[in-house]
Amino acid sequence: MSVLKVIEILGNSEKGWEDAAAQAVAHASKSVSHIRSVNIQNQSATVKDGKIHEYRVNVKISFEVK
């Protein structure tokens, strides 16, 4: 039996939502081991001069507790 824990973090990117999620996972993996999955909760963006400036995602990351 595995025990999983879930944390919620925010990721951002100037490239897109997919990159924002990848950035969130990359940053979390620096201090969290055994990441199993991510669940994108929310997507948003900031606008500057009439164009999307930054993409943002709220990500729930589940990982195995050893």
N, C-alpha and C. Protein backbone atom coordinates (compact mmCIF):
# COMPACT_ATOMS: atom_id res chain seq x y z
N MET A 1 0.84 -1.17 0.00
CA MET A 1 0.00 0.00 0.00
C MET A 1 0.88 1.24 0.00
N SER A 2 0.51 2.23 -0.78
CA SER A 2 1.24 3.49 -0.84
C SER A 2 0.45 4.59 -0.14
N VAL A 3 1.17 5.49 0.48
CA VAL A 3 0.55 6.66 1.08
C VAL A 3 1.00 7.86 0.26
N LEU A 4 0.03 8.66 -0.20
CA LEU A 4 0.34 9.82 -1.02
C LEU A 4 -0.02 11.09 -0.28
N LYS A 5 0.74 12.14 -0.54
CA LYS A 5 0.46 13.45 0.00
C LYS A 5 0.25 14.39 -1.17
N VAL A 6 -0.59 15.39 -0.99
CA VAL A 6 -0.87 16.36 -2.04
C VAL A 6 -0.50 17.76 -1.55
N ILE A 7 0.24 18.48 -2.38
CA ILE A 7 0.54 19.89 -2.11
C ILE A 7 0.02 20.72 -3.27
N GLU A 8 -0.28 21.96 -3.02
CA GLU A 8 -0.73 22.85 -4.08
C GLU A 8 0.30 23.97 -4.24
N ILE A 9 0.72 24.18 -5.47
CA ILE A 9 1.67 25.24 -5.76
C ILE A 9 1.22 26.01 -7.00
N LEU A 10 1.83 27.15 -7.20
CA LEU A 10 1.54 27.98 -8.36
C LEU A 10 2.74 27.98 -9.29
N GLY A 11 2.49 27.85 -10.58
CA GLY A 11 3.56 27.91 -11.56
C GLY A 11 3.29 29.04 -12.54
N ASN A 12 4.34 29.61 -13.09
CA ASN A 12 4.16 30.68 -14.06
C ASN A 12 5.19 30.57 -15.17
N SER A 13 4.84 31.14 -16.32
CA SER A 13 5.72 31.11 -17.48
C SER A 13 5.30 32.18 -18.47
N GLU A 14 6.23 32.69 -19.21
CA GLU A 14 5.92 33.62 -20.29
C GLU A 14 5.63 32.87 -21.59
N LYS A 15 5.88 31.55 -21.61
CA LYS A 15 5.71 30.75 -22.83
C LYS A 15 4.30 30.17 -22.98
N GLY A 16 3.70 29.67 -21.89
CA GLY A 16 2.37 29.06 -22.00
C GLY A 16 2.01 28.29 -20.74
N TRP A 17 0.77 27.80 -20.70
CA TRP A 17 0.29 27.07 -19.52
C TRP A 17 1.03 25.75 -19.34
N GLU A 18 1.33 25.08 -20.42
CA GLU A 18 2.06 23.80 -20.32
C GLU A 18 3.44 24.03 -19.70
N ASP A 19 4.11 25.08 -20.13
CA ASP A 19 5.42 25.39 -19.57
C ASP A 19 5.30 25.82 -18.11
N ALA A 20 4.23 26.54 -17.77
CA ALA A 20 4.01 26.94 -16.37
C ALA A 20 3.86 25.70 -15.49
N ALA A 21 3.13 24.69 -15.97
CA ALA A 21 2.98 23.44 -15.21
C ALA A 21 4.31 22.72 -15.10
N ALA A 22 5.07 22.69 -16.19
CA ALA A 22 6.39 22.04 -16.17
C ALA A 22 7.33 22.75 -15.20
N GLN A 23 7.28 24.07 -15.18
CA GLN A 23 8.10 24.84 -14.25
C GLN A 23 7.73 24.53 -12.80
N ALA A 24 6.44 24.40 -12.53
CA ALA A 24 5.98 24.07 -11.17
C ALA A 24 6.50 22.71 -10.74
N VAL A 25 6.41 21.72 -11.62
CA VAL A 25 6.89 20.37 -11.29
C VAL A 25 8.40 20.38 -11.12
N ALA A 26 9.11 21.07 -11.99
CA ALA A 26 10.57 21.12 -11.89
C ALA A 26 11.01 21.76 -10.57
N HIS A 27 10.33 22.82 -10.18
CA HIS A 27 10.69 23.48 -8.93
C HIS A 27 10.35 22.61 -7.73
N ALA A 28 9.17 21.97 -7.75
CA ALA A 28 8.77 21.11 -6.63
C ALA A 28 9.71 19.91 -6.50
N SER A 29 10.18 19.39 -7.62
CA SER A 29 11.03 18.20 -7.57
C SER A 29 12.40 18.47 -6.95
N LYS A 30 12.75 19.73 -6.75
CA LYS A 30 14.01 20.06 -6.08
C LYS A 30 13.95 19.69 -4.60
N SER A 31 12.74 19.71 -4.02
CA SER A 31 12.62 19.41 -2.59
C SER A 31 11.66 18.26 -2.29
N VAL A 32 10.95 17.77 -3.30
CA VAL A 32 9.97 16.69 -3.10
C VAL A 32 10.37 15.51 -3.98
N SER A 33 10.44 14.33 -3.38
CA SER A 33 10.77 13.11 -4.13
C SER A 33 9.51 12.31 -4.43
N HIS A 34 9.62 11.43 -5.37
CA HIS A 34 8.58 10.45 -5.70
C HIS A 34 7.28 11.11 -6.15
N ILE A 35 7.37 12.17 -6.97
CA ILE A 35 6.16 12.80 -7.51
C ILE A 35 5.48 11.81 -8.43
N ARG A 36 4.19 11.62 -8.21
CA ARG A 36 3.41 10.64 -8.98
C ARG A 36 2.55 11.30 -10.06
N SER A 37 1.92 12.46 -9.73
CA SER A 37 1.01 13.06 -10.70
C SER A 37 0.81 14.54 -10.39
N VAL A 38 0.28 15.24 -11.38
CA VAL A 38 -0.11 16.63 -11.21
C VAL A 38 -1.54 16.80 -11.70
N ASN A 39 -2.24 17.70 -11.05
CA ASN A 39 -3.61 18.01 -11.43
C ASN A 39 -3.70 19.52 -11.58
N ILE A 40 -3.97 19.97 -12.79
CA ILE A 40 -4.08 21.41 -13.04
C ILE A 40 -5.45 21.87 -12.56
N GLN A 41 -5.46 22.71 -11.53
CA GLN A 41 -6.69 23.18 -10.92
C GLN A 41 -7.26 24.40 -11.62
N ASN A 42 -6.40 25.31 -12.03
CA ASN A 42 -6.87 26.57 -12.55
C ASN A 42 -5.81 27.14 -13.49
N GLN A 43 -6.26 27.81 -14.53
CA GLN A 43 -5.36 28.49 -15.44
C GLN A 43 -5.75 29.96 -15.50
N SER A 44 -4.76 30.83 -15.49
CA SER A 44 -5.03 32.26 -15.61
C SER A 44 -3.84 32.91 -16.31
N ALA A 45 -3.98 34.18 -16.62
CA ALA A 45 -2.89 34.89 -17.28
C ALA A 45 -2.95 36.36 -16.90
N THR A 46 -1.79 37.01 -16.92
CA THR A 46 -1.75 38.45 -16.74
C THR A 46 -1.63 39.08 -18.13
N VAL A 47 -2.16 40.28 -18.26
CA VAL A 47 -2.16 40.98 -19.54
C VAL A 47 -1.39 42.28 -19.40
N LYS A 48 -0.56 42.56 -20.40
CA LYS A 48 0.22 43.80 -20.42
C LYS A 48 0.19 44.34 -21.84
N ASP A 49 -0.20 45.58 -22.00
CA ASP A 49 -0.27 46.23 -23.31
C ASP A 49 -1.15 45.46 -24.29
N GLY A 50 -2.24 44.90 -23.79
CA GLY A 50 -3.20 44.20 -24.66
C GLY A 50 -2.79 42.81 -25.08
N LYS A 51 -1.72 42.28 -24.50
CA LYS A 51 -1.25 40.93 -24.84
C LYS A 51 -1.01 40.14 -23.57
N ILE A 52 -1.11 38.82 -23.69
CA ILE A 52 -0.82 37.97 -22.53
C ILE A 52 0.66 38.13 -22.18
N HIS A 53 0.90 38.44 -20.93
CA HIS A 53 2.27 38.67 -20.46
C HIS A 53 2.81 37.44 -19.74
N GLU A 54 1.98 36.80 -18.91
CA GLU A 54 2.44 35.66 -18.13
C GLU A 54 1.30 34.68 -17.92
N TYR A 55 1.58 33.42 -18.15
CA TYR A 55 0.62 32.34 -17.94
C TYR A 55 0.80 31.79 -16.53
N ARG A 56 -0.30 31.46 -15.87
CA ARG A 56 -0.23 30.94 -14.50
C ARG A 56 -1.12 29.72 -14.35
N VAL A 57 -0.66 28.77 -13.55
CA VAL A 57 -1.46 27.58 -13.25
C VAL A 57 -1.39 27.28 -11.75
N ASN A 58 -2.50 26.84 -11.21
CA ASN A 58 -2.53 26.28 -9.85
C ASN A 58 -2.44 24.77 -10.04
N VAL A 59 -1.43 24.17 -9.42
CA VAL A 59 -1.14 22.75 -9.63
C VAL A 59 -1.19 22.01 -8.31
N LYS A 60 -1.93 20.90 -8.29
CA LYS A 60 -1.87 19.99 -7.14
C LYS A 60 -0.93 18.85 -7.52
N ILE A 61 0.09 18.66 -6.71
CA ILE A 61 1.12 17.64 -6.96
C ILE A 61 0.98 16.56 -5.91
N SER A 62 0.84 15.32 -6.36
CA SER A 62 0.79 14.20 -5.41
C SER A 62 2.10 13.44 -5.48
N PHE A 63 2.56 13.03 -4.28
CA PHE A 63 3.81 12.29 -4.22
C PHE A 63 3.71 11.24 -3.11
N GLU A 64 4.51 10.21 -3.29
CA GLU A 64 4.50 9.09 -2.34
C GLU A 64 5.30 9.45 -1.09
N VAL A 65 4.72 9.13 0.05
CA VAL A 65 5.41 9.32 1.32
C VAL A 65 6.07 8.01 1.68
N LYS A 66 7.36 8.02 1.88
CA LYS A 66 8.10 6.79 2.19
C LYS A 66 8.22 6.61 3.69
